C-alpha atoms as a PDB file:
ATOM      1  CA  MET A   1      22.256  -8.267 -22.841  1.00  0.00           C
ATOM      2  CA  LYS A   2      20.279  -7.525 -19.739  1.00  0.00           C
ATOM      3  CA  MET A   3      16.660  -5.940 -19.663  1.00  0.00           C
ATOM      4  CA  ILE A   4      16.039  -3.721 -16.904  1.00  0.00           C
ATOM      5  CA  THR A   5      11.776  -2.863 -15.976  1.00  0.00           C
ATOM      6  CA  ALA A   6      11.515   0.217 -14.231  1.00  0.00           C
ATOM      7  CA  VAL A   7       8.230   2.251 -14.103  1.00  0.00           C
ATOM      8  CA  ILE A   8       8.866   6.051 -13.611  1.00  0.00           C
ATOM      9  CA  LYS A   9       6.815   8.842 -12.906  1.00  0.00           C
ATOM     10  CA  PRO A  10       6.152  10.418 -16.878  1.00  0.00           C
ATOM     11  CA  PHE A  11       8.099  13.885 -15.644  1.00  0.00           C
ATOM     12  CA  LYS A  12      11.103  11.870 -14.665  1.00  0.00           C
ATOM     13  CA  LEU A  13      11.374  10.536 -18.316  1.00  0.00           C
ATOM     14  CA  GLU A  14      14.073  12.989 -19.646  1.00  0.00           C
ATOM     15  CA  GLU A  15      16.072  12.578 -16.699  1.00  0.00           C
ATOM     16  CA  VAL A  16      15.923   8.959 -16.718  1.00  0.00           C
ATOM     17  CA  ARG A  17      16.961   9.015 -20.774  1.00  0.00           C
ATOM     18  CA  GLU A  18      19.644  10.682 -19.748  1.00  0.00           C
ATOM     19  CA  ALA A  19      20.915   9.368 -16.645  1.00  0.00           C
ATOM     20  CA  LEU A  20      21.156   6.179 -19.357  1.00  0.00           C
ATOM     21  CA  ALA A  21      22.811   7.562 -21.884  1.00  0.00           C
ATOM     22  CA  GLU A  22      25.195   8.533 -20.520  1.00  0.00           C
ATOM     23  CA  CYS A  23      25.895   5.057 -19.268  1.00  0.00           C
ATOM     24  CA  GLY A  24      25.965   3.435 -22.860  1.00  0.00           C
ATOM     25  CA  VAL A  25      22.106   2.535 -22.541  1.00  0.00           C
ATOM     26  CA  ASN A  26      21.051   3.657 -26.382  1.00  0.00           C
ATOM     27  CA  GLY A  27      17.966   2.267 -26.741  1.00  0.00           C
ATOM     28  CA  LEU A  28      14.593   1.978 -24.324  1.00  0.00           C
ATOM     29  CA  THR A  29      10.983   0.938 -24.828  1.00  0.00           C
ATOM     30  CA  VAL A  30       8.852   3.204 -23.010  1.00  0.00           C
ATOM     31  CA  THR A  31       4.961   2.560 -22.141  1.00  0.00           C
ATOM     32  CA  GLU A  32       2.318   4.466 -20.893  1.00  0.00           C
ATOM     33  CA  VAL A  33       0.668   2.429 -17.936  1.00  0.00           C
ATOM     34  CA  LYS A  34      -1.958   2.299 -15.591  1.00  0.00           C
ATOM     35  CA  GLY A  35      -2.661   0.725 -12.255  1.00  0.00           C
ATOM     36  CA  PHE A  36      -4.066   0.892  -8.706  1.00  0.00           C
ATOM     37  CA  GLY A  37      -3.075   0.428  -5.305  1.00  0.00           C
ATOM     38  CA  ARG A  38      -4.409   2.526  -2.067  1.00  0.00           C
ATOM     39  CA  GLN A  39      -6.264   5.171  -3.959  1.00  0.00           C
ATOM     40  CA  LYS A  40      -9.998   4.022  -4.310  1.00  0.00           C
ATOM     41  CA  GLY A  41     -10.011   6.113  -7.377  1.00  0.00           C
ATOM     42  CA  HIS A  42     -13.785   7.714  -7.863  1.00  0.00           C
ATOM     43  CA  THR A  43     -17.159   8.494  -9.698  1.00  0.00           C
ATOM     44  CA  GLU A  44     -17.277  10.444 -12.642  1.00  0.00           C
ATOM     45  CA  LEU A  45     -20.527  11.566 -14.636  1.00  0.00           C
ATOM     46  CA  TYR A  46     -20.512  11.153 -18.582  1.00  0.00           C
ATOM     47  CA  ARG A  47     -23.341  11.980 -20.419  1.00  0.00           C
ATOM     48  CA  GLY A  48     -25.940  11.059 -17.871  1.00  0.00           C
ATOM     49  CA  ALA A  49     -24.386   7.457 -16.814  1.00  0.00           C
ATOM     50  CA  GLU A  50     -22.248   7.322 -13.831  1.00  0.00           C
ATOM     51  CA  TYR A  51     -18.564   5.456 -13.821  1.00  0.00           C
ATOM     52  CA  VAL A  52     -16.539   4.444 -11.347  1.00  0.00           C
ATOM     53  CA  VAL A  53     -12.729   5.015 -12.188  1.00  0.00           C
ATOM     54  CA  ASP A  54     -10.379   2.879 -10.799  1.00  0.00           C
ATOM     55  CA  PHE A  55      -7.108   3.337 -12.748  1.00  0.00           C
ATOM     56  CA  LEU A  56      -5.507   6.117 -11.992  1.00  0.00           C
END
């Protein structure tokens, strides 16, 4: 058994799933993740309070 970890964009999920199925991989676990990098985030107002959104 081998474990493969991949971070892909959500719109590519179906294409990746189909390619894995063609290779004989019939099971996978999908987890939605958020992260940050070069983007600095932004500030939002919610109910009069200001919040910094770092994870995009």
